[in-house]
């Protein structure tokens, strides 16, 4: 059954190629449009889950698509800000750390789902996602934006490193929890 929550999740997936395309447009117009699209997509990330729980319409499709939509948005934006050079040099390490954790946790969740083991999302992981999304939004806005007089790229890079540090901790935490189910007696 296609619920409003599922449609919002699909819209978030559809926003990824739009954001990528906007980053190829003339700047700063493209970055303004990309930030607006990324922000709307981020807001739908909150509302799709909220609506599903509030209306009692949590579905298997939504549970499947929501984390995929998150990974596609994060991965697509990270690849693009590196590709266009707004994240470069040593800052690419932070981007790679985030990408590795996203893939590791996805694989871990898939493996554990096969064992019928659920790994709940921690509050720290939710904070990591928030920091990460703000960082990526700032980085998408790099050519055209500033927050309180500070160039958005500087804000984005600081928050990207903060997200990478929290990412390492939460990734290790998930791995430690998952290893209990992987180690055979």
C-alpha atoms as a PDB file:
ATOM      1  CA  UNK A   1       0.000   0.000   0.000  1.00  0.00           C
ATOM      2  CA  UNK A   2       1.371   3.408  -0.988  1.00  0.00           C
ATOM      3  CA  UNK A   3       0.989   5.820   1.874  1.00  0.00           C
ATOM      4  CA  UNK A   4       1.806   9.526   1.997  1.00  0.00           C
ATOM      5  CA  UNK A   5       4.907   8.610   4.004  1.00  0.00           C
ATOM      6  CA  UNK A   6       6.071   6.236   1.250  1.00  0.00           C
ATOM      7  CA  UNK A   7       5.442   8.877  -1.412  1.00  0.00           C
ATOM      8  CA  UNK A   8       7.554  11.372   0.559  1.00  0.00           C
ATOM      9  CA  UNK A   9      10.351   8.808   0.761  1.00  0.00           C
ATOM     10  CA  UNK A  10      10.173   8.204  -2.994  1.00  0.00           C
ATOM     11  CA  UNK A  11      10.251  11.957  -3.575  1.00  0.00           C
ATOM     12  CA  UNK A  12      13.436  12.111  -1.511  1.00  0.00           C
ATOM     13  CA  UNK A  13      14.995   9.454  -3.727  1.00  0.00           C
ATOM     14  CA  UNK A  14      13.876  11.396  -6.805  1.00  0.00           C
ATOM     15  CA  UNK A  15      15.458  14.567  -5.417  1.00  0.00           C
ATOM     16  CA  UNK A  16      18.954  13.050  -5.525  1.00  0.00           C
ATOM     17  CA  UNK A  17      19.465  13.302  -9.311  1.00  0.00           C
ATOM     18  CA  UNK A  18      17.908  16.768  -9.254  1.00  0.00           C
ATOM     19  CA  UNK A  19      20.406  17.958  -6.643  1.00  0.00           C
ATOM     20  CA  UNK A  20      23.275  16.413  -8.601  1.00  0.00           C
ATOM     21  CA  UNK A  21      22.112  18.146 -11.779  1.00  0.00           C
ATOM     22  CA  UNK A  22      21.779  21.489 -10.014  1.00  0.00           C
ATOM     23  CA  UNK A  23      25.398  21.323  -8.921  1.00  0.00           C
ATOM     24  CA  UNK A  24      26.360  21.235 -12.626  1.00  0.00           C
ATOM     25  CA  UNK A  25      24.351  24.400 -13.335  1.00  0.00           C
ATOM     26  CA  UNK A  26      25.818  27.882 -13.450  1.00  0.00           C
ATOM     27  CA  UNK A  27      26.735  28.958  -9.951  1.00  0.00           C
ATOM     28  CA  UNK A  28      25.634  30.353  -7.572  1.00  0.00           C
ATOM     29  CA  UNK A  29      22.099  29.751  -8.934  1.00  0.00           C
ATOM     30  CA  UNK A  30      22.640  25.989  -9.017  1.00  0.00           C
ATOM     31  CA  UNK A  31      23.822  25.891  -5.409  1.00  0.00           C
ATOM     32  CA  UNK A  32      20.832  27.950  -4.255  1.00  0.00           C
ATOM     33  CA  UNK A  33      18.440  25.564  -5.999  1.00  0.00           C
ATOM     34  CA  UNK A  34      20.354  22.522  -4.743  1.00  0.00           C
ATOM     35  CA  UNK A  35      20.215  23.807  -1.157  1.00  0.00           C
ATOM     36  CA  UNK A  36      16.461  24.430  -1.418  1.00  0.00           C
ATOM     37  CA  UNK A  37      15.870  20.945  -2.857  1.00  0.00           C
ATOM     38  CA  UNK A  38      18.194  19.313  -0.310  1.00  0.00           C
ATOM     39  CA  UNK A  39      16.430  21.144   2.536  1.00  0.00           C
ATOM     40  CA  UNK A  40      12.975  20.102   1.363  1.00  0.00           C
ATOM     41  CA  UNK A  41      14.190  16.518   0.960  1.00  0.00           C
ATOM     42  CA  UNK A  42      15.657  16.627   4.473  1.00  0.00           C
ATOM     43  CA  UNK A  43      12.380  17.868   5.883  1.00  0.00           C
ATOM     44  CA  UNK A  44      10.541  14.992   4.186  1.00  0.00           C
ATOM     45  CA  UNK A  45      12.975  12.623   5.920  1.00  0.00           C
ATOM     46  CA  UNK A  46      11.540  13.768   9.243  1.00  0.00           C
ATOM     47  CA  UNK A  47       7.916  13.863   8.120  1.00  0.00           C
ATOM     48  CA  UNK A  48       7.720  10.501   6.353  1.00  0.00           C
ATOM     49  CA  UNK A  49       8.583   8.611   9.540  1.00  0.00           C
ATOM     50  CA  UNK A  50       6.525  10.923  11.735  1.00  0.00           C
ATOM     51  CA  UNK A  51       3.460  10.550   9.497  1.00  0.00           C
ATOM     52  CA  UNK A  52       3.806   6.778   9.293  1.00  0.00           C
ATOM     53  CA  UNK A  53       3.969   6.450  13.086  1.00  0.00           C
ATOM     54  CA  UNK A  54       1.277   9.082  13.801  1.00  0.00           C
ATOM     55  CA  UNK A  55      -1.203   7.556  11.386  1.00  0.00           C
ATOM     56  CA  UNK A  56      -0.335   3.949  12.145  1.00  0.00           C
ATOM     57  CA  UNK A  57       0.677   3.330   8.538  1.00  0.00           C
ATOM     58  CA  UNK A  58       4.240   2.088   9.091  1.00  0.00           C
ATOM     59  CA  UNK A  59       4.862  -0.268   6.191  1.00  0.00           C
ATOM     60  CA  UNK A  60       7.474  -2.764   5.078  1.00  0.00           C
ATOM     61  CA  UNK A  61       7.983  -0.660   1.937  1.00  0.00           C
ATOM     62  CA  UNK A  62       8.678   2.407   4.055  1.00  0.00           C
ATOM     63  CA  UNK A  63      10.998   0.518   6.380  1.00  0.00           C
ATOM     64  CA  UNK A  64      12.895  -0.699   3.321  1.00  0.00           C
ATOM     65  CA  UNK A  65      12.987   2.575   1.349  1.00  0.00           C
ATOM     66  CA  UNK A  66      13.668   5.101   4.129  1.00  0.00           C
ATOM     67  CA  UNK A  67      17.249   4.063   4.938  1.00  0.00           C
ATOM     68  CA  UNK A  68      17.984   3.658   1.223  1.00  0.00           C
ATOM     69  CA  UNK A  69      16.743   7.183   0.548  1.00  0.00           C
ATOM     70  CA  UNK A  70      18.980   8.482   3.347  1.00  0.00           C
ATOM     71  CA  UNK A  71      22.052   6.690   1.966  1.00  0.00           C
ATOM     72  CA  UNK A  72      21.356   7.865  -1.594  1.00  0.00           C
ATOM     73  CA  UNK A  73      21.034  11.490  -0.488  1.00  0.00           C
ATOM     74  CA  UNK A  74      24.187  11.403   1.622  1.00  0.00           C
ATOM     75  CA  UNK A  75      26.174   9.449  -0.957  1.00  0.00           C
ATOM     76  CA  UNK A  76      25.022  11.520  -3.923  1.00  0.00           C
ATOM     77  CA  UNK A  77      25.819  14.822  -2.251  1.00  0.00           C
ATOM     78  CA  UNK A  78      29.185  13.668  -0.888  1.00  0.00           C
ATOM     79  CA  UNK A  79      30.237  12.398  -4.308  1.00  0.00           C
ATOM     80  CA  UNK A  80      29.190  15.660  -5.946  1.00  0.00           C
ATOM     81  CA  UNK A  81      30.809  18.096  -3.496  1.00  0.00           C
ATOM     82  CA  UNK A  82      34.045  16.144  -3.884  1.00  0.00           C
ATOM     83  CA  UNK A  83      33.633  15.957  -7.694  1.00  0.00           C
ATOM     84  CA  UNK A  84      33.140  19.713  -8.065  1.00  0.00           C
ATOM     85  CA  UNK A  85      36.004  20.425  -5.660  1.00  0.00           C
ATOM     86  CA  UNK A  86      34.097  22.028  -2.799  1.00  0.00           C
ATOM     87  CA  UNK A  87      35.485  19.274  -0.569  1.00  0.00           C
ATOM     88  CA  UNK A  88      39.107  18.577  -1.413  1.00  0.00           C
ATOM     89  CA  UNK A  89      42.481  17.728   0.080  1.00  0.00           C
ATOM     90  CA  UNK A  90      42.443  16.204   3.544  1.00  0.00           C
ATOM     91  CA  UNK A  91      38.733  17.010   3.900  1.00  0.00           C
ATOM     92  CA  UNK A  92      38.022  14.111   1.534  1.00  0.00           C
ATOM     93  CA  UNK A  93      39.047  11.810   4.411  1.00  0.00           C
ATOM     94  CA  UNK A  94      36.035  12.977   6.429  1.00  0.00           C
ATOM     95  CA  UNK A  95      33.787  12.350   3.414  1.00  0.00           C
ATOM     96  CA  UNK A  96      35.219   8.848   2.927  1.00  0.00           C
ATOM     97  CA  UNK A  97      34.781   8.029   6.627  1.00  0.00           C
ATOM     98  CA  UNK A  98      31.115   8.969   6.380  1.00  0.00           C
ATOM     99  CA  UNK A  99      30.615   6.941   3.185  1.00  0.00           C
ATOM    100  CA  UNK A 100      32.359   3.891   4.665  1.00  0.00           C
ATOM    101  CA  UNK A 101      30.214   4.009   7.792  1.00  0.00           C
ATOM    102  CA  UNK A 102      27.022   4.326   5.735  1.00  0.00           C
ATOM    103  CA  UNK A 103      27.934   1.221   3.728  1.00  0.00           C
ATOM    104  CA  UNK A 104      29.153  -0.710   6.784  1.00  0.00           C
ATOM    105  CA  UNK A 105      25.999  -0.057   8.800  1.00  0.00           C
ATOM    106  CA  UNK A 106      23.779  -0.886   5.797  1.00  0.00           C
ATOM    107  CA  UNK A 107      25.551  -4.200   5.330  1.00  0.00           C
ATOM    108  CA  UNK A 108      25.416  -4.921   9.049  1.00  0.00           C
ATOM    109  CA  UNK A 109      21.686  -4.186   9.207  1.00  0.00           C
ATOM    110  CA  UNK A 110      21.071  -6.442   6.197  1.00  0.00           C
ATOM    111  CA  UNK A 111      23.080  -9.267   7.744  1.00  0.00           C
ATOM    112  CA  UNK A 112      21.355  -8.930  11.115  1.00  0.00           C
ATOM    113  CA  UNK A 113      17.934  -8.742   9.478  1.00  0.00           C
ATOM    114  CA  UNK A 114      18.663 -12.193   8.066  1.00  0.00           C
ATOM    115  CA  UNK A 115      19.157 -13.344  11.648  1.00  0.00           C
ATOM    116  CA  UNK A 116      15.965 -11.523  12.640  1.00  0.00           C
ATOM    117  CA  UNK A 117      17.936  -9.169  14.885  1.00  0.00           C
ATOM    118  CA  UNK A 118      16.981  -5.510  15.002  1.00  0.00           C
ATOM    119  CA  UNK A 119      19.554  -2.822  15.728  1.00  0.00           C
ATOM    120  CA  UNK A 120      17.743   0.270  16.977  1.00  0.00           C
ATOM    121  CA  UNK A 121      18.920   3.730  15.956  1.00  0.00           C
ATOM    122  CA  UNK A 122      20.592   5.496  18.882  1.00  0.00           C
ATOM    123  CA  UNK A 123      20.082   9.132  19.823  1.00  0.00           C
ATOM    124  CA  UNK A 124      23.743   9.773  19.027  1.00  0.00           C
ATOM    125  CA  UNK A 125      23.210   8.339  15.546  1.00  0.00           C
ATOM    126  CA  UNK A 126      20.269  10.713  15.092  1.00  0.00           C
ATOM    127  CA  UNK A 127      22.507  13.621  16.121  1.00  0.00           C
ATOM    128  CA  UNK A 128      25.140  12.367  13.678  1.00  0.00           C
ATOM    129  CA  UNK A 129      22.568  12.450  10.910  1.00  0.00           C
ATOM    130  CA  UNK A 130      21.512  15.973  11.859  1.00  0.00           C
ATOM    131  CA  UNK A 131      25.085  17.283  11.907  1.00  0.00           C
ATOM    132  CA  UNK A 132      25.820  15.465   8.660  1.00  0.00           C
ATOM    133  CA  UNK A 133      22.773  16.892   6.885  1.00  0.00           C
ATOM    134  CA  UNK A 134      23.551  20.443   8.005  1.00  0.00           C
ATOM    135  CA  UNK A 135      27.164  19.958   6.863  1.00  0.00           C
ATOM    136  CA  UNK A 136      26.081  18.652   3.467  1.00  0.00           C
ATOM    137  CA  UNK A 137      23.524  21.430   3.062  1.00  0.00           C
ATOM    138  CA  UNK A 138      26.217  24.021   3.779  1.00  0.00           C
ATOM    139  CA  UNK A 139      28.595  22.330   1.341  1.00  0.00           C
ATOM    140  CA  UNK A 140      25.951  22.213  -1.390  1.00  0.00           C
ATOM    141  CA  UNK A 141      25.544  25.967  -0.876  1.00  0.00           C
ATOM    142  CA  UNK A 142      29.307  26.607  -1.100  1.00  0.00           C
ATOM    143  CA  UNK A 143      29.478  28.966  -4.092  1.00  0.00           C
ATOM    144  CA  UNK A 144      26.554  31.093  -3.080  1.00  0.00           C
ATOM    145  CA  UNK A 145      26.126  31.183   0.627  1.00  0.00           C
ATOM    146  CA  UNK A 146      27.260  32.450   3.963  1.00  0.00           C
ATOM    147  CA  UNK A 147      25.827  31.946   7.435  1.00  0.00           C
ATOM    148  CA  UNK A 148      26.230  34.934   9.740  1.00  0.00           C
ATOM    149  CA  UNK A 149      29.079  36.193   7.572  1.00  0.00           C
ATOM    150  CA  UNK A 150      30.922  32.862   7.608  1.00  0.00           C
ATOM    151  CA  UNK A 151      31.251  31.219   4.173  1.00  0.00           C
ATOM    152  CA  UNK A 152      29.051  28.139   3.967  1.00  0.00           C
ATOM    153  CA  UNK A 153      31.997  26.033   2.808  1.00  0.00           C
ATOM    154  CA  UNK A 154      33.873  26.722   6.067  1.00  0.00           C
ATOM    155  CA  UNK A 155      30.771  25.859   8.108  1.00  0.00           C
ATOM    156  CA  UNK A 156      30.235  22.719   6.022  1.00  0.00           C
ATOM    157  CA  UNK A 157      33.814  21.494   6.380  1.00  0.00           C
ATOM    158  CA  UNK A 158      33.874  21.962  10.169  1.00  0.00           C
ATOM    159  CA  UNK A 159      30.567  20.122  10.498  1.00  0.00           C
ATOM    160  CA  UNK A 160      31.694  17.440   8.030  1.00  0.00           C
ATOM    161  CA  UNK A 161      34.630  16.655  10.334  1.00  0.00           C
ATOM    162  CA  UNK A 162      32.332  16.726  13.382  1.00  0.00           C
ATOM    163  CA  UNK A 163      29.987  14.294  11.617  1.00  0.00           C
ATOM    164  CA  UNK A 164      32.951  12.083  10.672  1.00  0.00           C
ATOM    165  CA  UNK A 165      34.092  11.873  14.307  1.00  0.00           C
ATOM    166  CA  UNK A 166      30.594  11.000  15.545  1.00  0.00           C
ATOM    167  CA  UNK A 167      30.276   8.627  12.576  1.00  0.00           C
ATOM    168  CA  UNK A 168      33.338   6.683  13.720  1.00  0.00           C
ATOM    169  CA  UNK A 169      31.910   6.323  17.211  1.00  0.00           C
ATOM    170  CA  UNK A 170      28.398   5.314  16.140  1.00  0.00           C
ATOM    171  CA  UNK A 171      29.742   2.995  13.430  1.00  0.00           C
ATOM    172  CA  UNK A 172      31.944   1.243  15.984  1.00  0.00           C
ATOM    173  CA  UNK A 173      28.997   1.079  18.384  1.00  0.00           C
ATOM    174  CA  UNK A 174      26.797  -0.604  15.751  1.00  0.00           C
ATOM    175  CA  UNK A 175      29.605  -2.971  14.780  1.00  0.00           C
ATOM    176  CA  UNK A 176      30.201  -3.939  18.412  1.00  0.00           C
ATOM    177  CA  UNK A 177      26.482  -4.641  18.872  1.00  0.00           C
ATOM    178  CA  UNK A 178      26.396  -6.648  15.644  1.00  0.00           C
ATOM    179  CA  UNK A 179      29.514  -8.677  16.442  1.00  0.00           C
ATOM    180  CA  UNK A 180      27.671 -10.321  19.342  1.00  0.00           C
ATOM    181  CA  UNK A 181      25.401 -11.935  16.759  1.00  0.00           C
ATOM    182  CA  UNK A 182      28.174 -12.754  14.289  1.00  0.00           C
ATOM    183  CA  UNK A 183      30.579 -14.594  16.563  1.00  0.00           C
ATOM    184  CA  UNK A 184      29.699 -18.258  16.685  1.00  0.00           C
ATOM    185  CA  UNK A 185      30.166 -20.186  19.923  1.00  0.00           C
END
